[in-house]
Protein backbone atom coordinates (compact mmCIF):
# COMPACT_ATOMS: atom_id res chain seq x y z
CA MET A 1 -68.33 -122.21 16.35
CA ILE A 2 -66.38 -120.80 13.40
CA PHE A 3 -67.20 -117.55 11.70
CA LEU A 4 -67.54 -117.51 7.98
CA ILE A 5 -67.13 -114.37 5.81
CA LEU A 6 -69.19 -114.42 2.49
CA ALA A 7 -66.77 -112.87 0.02
CA GLY A 8 -67.64 -114.46 -3.34
CA GLY A 9 -70.53 -112.53 -4.84
CA LYS A 10 -70.75 -111.37 -8.38
CA SER A 11 -71.44 -107.78 -7.28
CA ARG A 12 -73.23 -107.16 -10.53
CA ARG A 13 -75.40 -104.44 -9.30
CA MET A 14 -72.33 -102.57 -7.65
CA GLY A 15 -70.16 -102.91 -10.72
CA ARG A 16 -67.19 -103.99 -8.71
CA ASP A 17 -66.04 -106.29 -6.17
CA LYS A 18 -67.79 -105.21 -2.85
CA ALA A 19 -65.16 -107.06 -0.74
CA LEU A 20 -62.42 -104.48 -2.34
CA ILE A 21 -64.40 -101.27 -1.94
CA GLU A 22 -62.49 -98.77 0.02
CA ARG A 23 -64.18 -97.42 3.12
CA PRO A 24 -64.07 -93.87 4.28
CA ASP A 25 -61.36 -94.59 6.48
CA GLY A 26 -59.19 -95.87 3.53
CA THR A 27 -59.81 -99.59 4.69
CA ARG A 28 -60.84 -102.47 2.22
CA GLN A 29 -64.27 -103.55 3.25
CA LEU A 30 -63.02 -107.17 3.46
CA ASP A 31 -60.24 -106.30 5.84
CA HIS A 32 -62.69 -104.20 7.96
CA VAL A 33 -64.96 -107.49 8.34
CA ILE A 34 -62.19 -109.52 9.01
CA ALA A 35 -60.85 -107.38 11.82
CA LEU A 36 -64.29 -107.22 13.24
CA ALA A 37 -64.60 -110.98 13.22
CA GLN A 38 -61.15 -111.54 14.80
CA SER A 39 -61.85 -108.86 17.70
CA ILE A 40 -64.44 -111.52 18.69
CA SER A 41 -63.12 -115.06 17.66
CA PRO A 42 -59.74 -116.36 16.18
CA ASP A 43 -61.72 -119.15 14.19
CA LEU A 44 -62.05 -117.71 10.96
CA LEU A 45 -62.76 -118.64 7.16
CA ILE A 46 -63.42 -116.75 4.10
CA SER A 47 -65.84 -118.16 1.60
CA THR A 48 -64.43 -117.19 -1.86
CA ASN A 49 -63.06 -118.59 -4.97
CA SER A 50 -60.96 -115.73 -5.67
CA PRO A 51 -58.06 -116.45 -2.94
CA ASP A 52 -55.99 -113.41 -4.08
CA ILE A 53 -57.93 -110.94 -2.46
CA VAL A 54 -57.75 -112.60 0.89
CA PRO A 55 -54.76 -111.29 3.14
CA ALA A 56 -51.88 -113.86 4.00
CA GLY A 57 -52.96 -116.28 6.85
CA ILE A 58 -56.58 -116.16 6.60
CA PRO A 59 -57.90 -119.79 5.77
CA ILE A 60 -60.23 -119.90 2.77
CA LEU A 61 -63.19 -122.16 2.03
CA PRO A 62 -63.83 -122.52 -1.71
CA ASP A 63 -67.68 -122.95 -2.83
CA LEU A 64 -68.14 -126.56 -3.73
CA ASN A 65 -70.68 -125.39 -6.44
CA PRO A 66 -69.98 -121.60 -7.12
CA GLY A 67 -73.18 -119.56 -8.15
CA ASP A 68 -75.54 -121.18 -5.34
CA GLY A 69 -75.12 -118.17 -3.17
CA PRO A 70 -75.21 -118.04 0.67
CA LEU A 71 -76.62 -121.59 0.89
CA GLY A 72 -74.00 -122.98 -1.23
CA ALA A 73 -71.45 -121.55 1.15
CA LEU A 74 -73.20 -123.28 4.14
CA ALA A 75 -73.41 -126.36 2.40
CA SER A 76 -69.66 -126.21 1.65
CA PHE A 77 -69.01 -125.43 5.18
CA HIS A 78 -71.05 -128.36 6.50
CA GLN A 79 -69.08 -130.74 4.23
CA ALA A 80 -65.60 -129.41 5.58
CA HIS A 81 -66.88 -129.25 9.36
CA PRO A 82 -69.95 -131.65 9.59
CA ASP A 83 -69.90 -131.03 13.49
CA GLU A 84 -69.30 -127.18 13.83
CA ALA A 85 -71.75 -124.32 14.11
CA VAL A 86 -70.98 -121.47 11.99
CA LEU A 87 -71.55 -117.49 12.35
CA LEU A 88 -72.14 -116.42 8.74
CA ILE A 89 -71.31 -112.72 7.92
CA GLY A 90 -72.01 -110.97 4.40
CA CYS A 91 -69.01 -108.91 3.32
CA ASP A 92 -71.59 -106.14 2.13
CA LEU A 93 -72.58 -105.28 5.42
CA PHE A 94 -70.67 -101.74 5.64
CA LEU A 95 -72.52 -100.87 8.88
CA LEU A 96 -72.02 -104.08 10.86
CA ASP A 97 -70.40 -103.30 14.33
CA LYS A 98 -68.76 -105.28 17.27
CA ALA A 99 -71.79 -104.72 19.42
CA THR A 100 -74.21 -106.18 17.01
CA VAL A 101 -72.12 -109.57 16.51
CA THR A 102 -71.36 -109.93 19.99
CA GLN A 103 -75.08 -109.65 20.81
CA LEU A 104 -75.74 -112.41 18.54
CA VAL A 105 -73.03 -114.52 20.10
CA ASP A 106 -74.28 -113.89 23.45
CA ALA A 107 -77.84 -114.88 22.62
CA HIS A 108 -77.03 -117.94 20.79
CA THR A 109 -77.68 -121.42 22.23
CA ALA A 110 -77.13 -124.93 20.69
CA ASP A 111 -80.81 -125.81 21.03
CA GLU A 112 -81.70 -123.33 18.44
CA SER A 113 -81.25 -124.30 14.70
CA VAL A 114 -80.64 -120.72 13.70
CA THR A 115 -80.17 -117.48 15.83
CA CYS A 116 -80.47 -114.27 13.89
CA PHE A 117 -81.76 -110.81 13.89
CA LYS A 118 -85.11 -109.23 12.70
CA SER A 119 -84.97 -106.68 9.82
CA ARG A 120 -85.65 -103.32 10.88
CA ILE A 121 -87.79 -102.69 7.61
CA ASP A 122 -90.18 -105.89 7.93
CA ALA A 123 -89.25 -108.07 10.97
CA ARG A 124 -88.22 -111.07 8.98
CA PRO A 125 -85.07 -112.94 9.48
CA GLU A 126 -81.75 -111.41 8.44
CA PRO A 127 -79.63 -114.57 7.06
CA LEU A 128 -76.38 -112.91 6.47
CA CYS A 129 -75.39 -112.26 10.10
CA ALA A 130 -76.76 -115.43 11.73
CA ILE A 131 -75.54 -118.55 13.65
CA TYR A 132 -76.33 -121.81 12.02
CA GLU A 133 -76.29 -125.09 13.93
CA SER A 134 -74.91 -128.13 12.37
CA THR A 135 -78.45 -129.54 12.16
CA ALA A 136 -79.50 -126.57 10.10
CA LEU A 137 -76.47 -126.81 7.84
CA ALA A 138 -77.29 -130.06 7.22
CA MET A 139 -80.42 -129.23 5.41
CA ALA A 140 -78.80 -126.56 3.22
CA SER A 141 -77.88 -129.04 0.50
CA THR A 142 -81.45 -130.55 0.48
CA ALA A 143 -82.76 -126.77 -0.22
CA LEU A 144 -80.27 -126.51 -3.03
CA ALA A 145 -81.12 -129.83 -4.53
CA ASN A 146 -84.78 -128.63 -4.50
CA ASN A 147 -83.80 -125.50 -6.24
CA GLU A 148 -84.09 -123.49 -3.43
CA PHE A 149 -81.63 -120.71 -3.40
CA CYS A 150 -83.29 -118.02 -0.96
CA ALA A 151 -81.25 -117.93 2.29
CA ARG A 152 -84.33 -115.74 3.82
CA HIS A 153 -86.77 -118.50 3.00
CA PHE A 154 -84.44 -121.19 4.31
CA VAL A 155 -83.89 -119.60 7.54
CA GLU A 156 -87.71 -119.09 7.88
CA SER A 157 -88.29 -122.73 7.47
CA LEU A 158 -86.18 -123.49 10.23
CA GLN A 159 -88.17 -121.43 13.00
CA PRO A 160 -85.23 -119.27 13.98
CA LYS A 161 -84.38 -117.48 17.23
CA LEU A 162 -85.11 -113.95 16.40
CA LEU A 163 -83.39 -110.99 17.98
CA ASP A 164 -83.82 -107.25 18.01
CA LEU A 165 -81.10 -105.20 16.49
CA PRO A 166 -79.01 -103.14 19.14
CA ASN A 167 -77.91 -100.87 16.21
CA PRO A 168 -81.03 -100.77 13.76
CA VAL A 169 -78.87 -99.93 10.65
CA ALA A 170 -76.16 -102.36 11.42
CA LEU A 171 -77.45 -105.00 8.65
CA ASP A 172 -78.41 -102.57 6.02
CA ASN A 173 -76.57 -103.84 2.92
CA ALA A 174 -75.21 -102.00 -0.20
CA ASN A 175 -76.01 -103.71 -3.39
CA THR A 176 -75.66 -100.58 -5.71
CA PRO A 177 -73.64 -97.48 -5.97
CA ALA A 178 -76.42 -95.51 -4.38
CA ASP A 179 -76.70 -98.08 -1.66
CA LEU A 180 -73.00 -97.28 -1.09
CA GLU A 181 -73.46 -93.63 -0.85
CA GLU A 182 -76.00 -94.02 1.64
CA ALA A 183 -73.93 -96.28 3.92
CA PHE A 184 -71.06 -94.13 3.64
CA ALA A 185 -73.42 -91.07 4.55
CA LYS A 186 -74.40 -93.15 7.65
CA ILE A 187 -70.79 -93.72 8.67
CA ASN A 188 -69.55 -90.02 7.89
CA HIS A 189 -72.61 -88.30 9.62
CA GLY A 190 -74.33 -90.77 11.88
CA VAL A 191 -77.74 -92.03 12.04
CA SER A 192 -80.80 -90.13 13.40
CA ASN A 193 -84.54 -90.75 13.18
CA LYS A 194 -86.33 -88.17 11.54
CA SER A 195 -89.76 -87.44 10.02
CA VAL A 196 -90.08 -86.29 6.40
CA LYS A 197 -93.30 -85.73 3.84
CA VAL A 198 -93.13 -88.05 0.97
CA LEU A 199 -95.17 -87.19 -2.22
CA TYR A 200 -96.27 -89.81 -4.63
CA PHE A 201 -97.16 -89.56 -8.29
CA ALA A 202 -98.50 -91.86 -11.15
CA LYS A 203 -97.57 -95.29 -10.87
CA LEU A 204 -96.12 -94.71 -7.36
CA ARG A 205 -99.29 -93.29 -6.15
CA GLU A 206 -101.32 -96.28 -7.70
CA GLU A 207 -98.76 -98.89 -5.81
CA ARG A 208 -98.81 -96.97 -2.71
CA GLY A 209 -102.48 -96.19 -2.71
CA LEU A 210 -102.06 -92.62 -1.51
CA ASP A 211 -100.90 -89.19 -2.52
CA GLU A 212 -98.59 -88.33 0.45
CA GLU A 213 -97.50 -89.54 3.81
CA GLU A 214 -95.19 -88.61 6.83
CA VAL A 215 -92.43 -91.21 7.21
CA GLU A 216 -90.14 -92.07 10.00
CA THR A 217 -86.86 -92.86 8.40
CA LEU A 218 -83.01 -93.58 9.40
CA ALA A 219 -82.01 -92.55 5.75
CA CYS A 220 -79.35 -89.78 5.12
CA THR A 221 -80.36 -89.52 1.21
CA PRO A 222 -83.31 -89.95 -1.12
CA ALA A 223 -81.76 -93.21 -2.37
CA GLY A 224 -81.71 -94.54 1.31
CA LEU A 225 -85.25 -93.24 1.82
CA TYR A 226 -86.70 -94.89 -1.22
CA ASP A 227 -84.98 -98.11 -0.46
CA GLU A 228 -86.72 -98.24 2.93
CA ILE A 229 -90.05 -97.24 1.33
CA ALA A 230 -89.78 -99.62 -1.55
CA PHE A 231 -88.76 -102.75 0.40
CA ARG A 232 -91.57 -102.06 2.91
CA HIS A 233 -94.24 -101.80 0.44
CA ARG A 234 -93.02 -103.85 -2.30
CA LEU A 235 -92.87 -100.99 -5.03
CA SER A 236 -92.07 -102.17 -8.30
CA LEU A 237 -90.04 -99.00 -9.84
CA LYS A 238 -86.40 -98.97 -9.35
CA PRO A 239 -84.55 -95.54 -8.63
CA ASP A 240 -82.92 -95.40 -11.93
CA ALA A 241 -86.60 -95.24 -13.59
CA LEU A 242 -87.40 -92.06 -11.17
CA ARG A 243 -86.37 -88.55 -10.63
CA CYS A 244 -86.41 -87.36 -6.84
CA ALA A 245 -86.79 -83.56 -5.51
CA ARG A 246 -86.38 -82.32 -2.01
CA ASN A 247 -88.26 -79.14 -0.93
CA GLY A 248 -89.38 -78.35 -4.47
CA ASP A 249 -85.96 -78.60 -6.35
CA PHE A 250 -84.74 -81.46 -8.15
CA CYS A 251 -81.89 -83.20 -6.46
CA ASP A 252 -79.41 -86.02 -6.83
CA TRP A 253 -80.00 -89.32 -5.19
CA ASN A 254 -77.03 -88.97 -2.63
CA THR A 255 -78.52 -85.53 -1.46
CA ARG A 256 -78.39 -85.16 2.28
CA ILE A 257 -81.84 -84.92 3.85
CA GLU A 258 -83.27 -83.49 7.00
CA ALA A 259 -86.10 -83.64 9.28
CA ASN A 260 -89.31 -82.18 7.91
CA ASP A 261 -88.29 -82.26 4.42
CA GLU A 262 -90.50 -82.70 1.60
CA ILE A 263 -89.31 -85.63 -0.64
CA VAL A 264 -91.07 -86.38 -4.10
CA PHE A 265 -90.36 -89.35 -6.03
CA ILE A 266 -91.19 -88.86 -9.68
CA PRO A 267 -92.05 -91.83 -12.10
CA PRO A 268 -91.81 -91.12 -15.93
CA VAL A 269 -95.12 -89.99 -17.29
CA ALA A 270 -97.06 -92.55 -19.27
CA GLY A 271 -96.54 -92.14 -23.36
CA GLY A 272 -93.89 -89.39 -22.45
């Protein structure tokens, strides 16, 4: 089995290459993930078409068809290594830890086409920290040929072996600057489960179907809290269309939240 780190995304929503982001300890994110993978296995490839970002001595796997996303990387890997299984890791997993990857490796058996974790939010498969057997990899090209690019849908079609996460936030990714603030808050301050009251107004109240609720969350900031709620309930409004308040006062999206806080997400007023 070979580890394959995805470091070829466009990072449009982040506004900069996530692989090059400096973590709180000063380490580049790509170097952090490489060190994590190497602590478990020496067999490692980086999927990227930007070889200048990869440390010397680390082999690179170019995408055969740039823009095809994770499935394109899997198809490229299978063409280069048709008989090998791969452990795919997304470079934007800022909270991924060795215990999580080790559990994935230990639970893997060759008779399962895909071994992966369940999302902590909706219990669906997490495709970007997963082991794919060669039989599954062979189907990636077929999916792409049918214009199917969603890695999660691809994994679901393969009836994966699903595992519970040992660290519930390990696969929280970071796609926006607010997501990154949340990830760094978790790194710097730790993760704790807390109960907060959330109030909804206007369109959010209509979509959620209630005025308020008590929410159990692992978030450190309003941004992280809204991300959990919006993902779980498929809310349509993005954070940049909202304001947030904590305990009666407007606040920044990266404000620290505490147990028993009252958090309000405020959409724009219709016609305002």
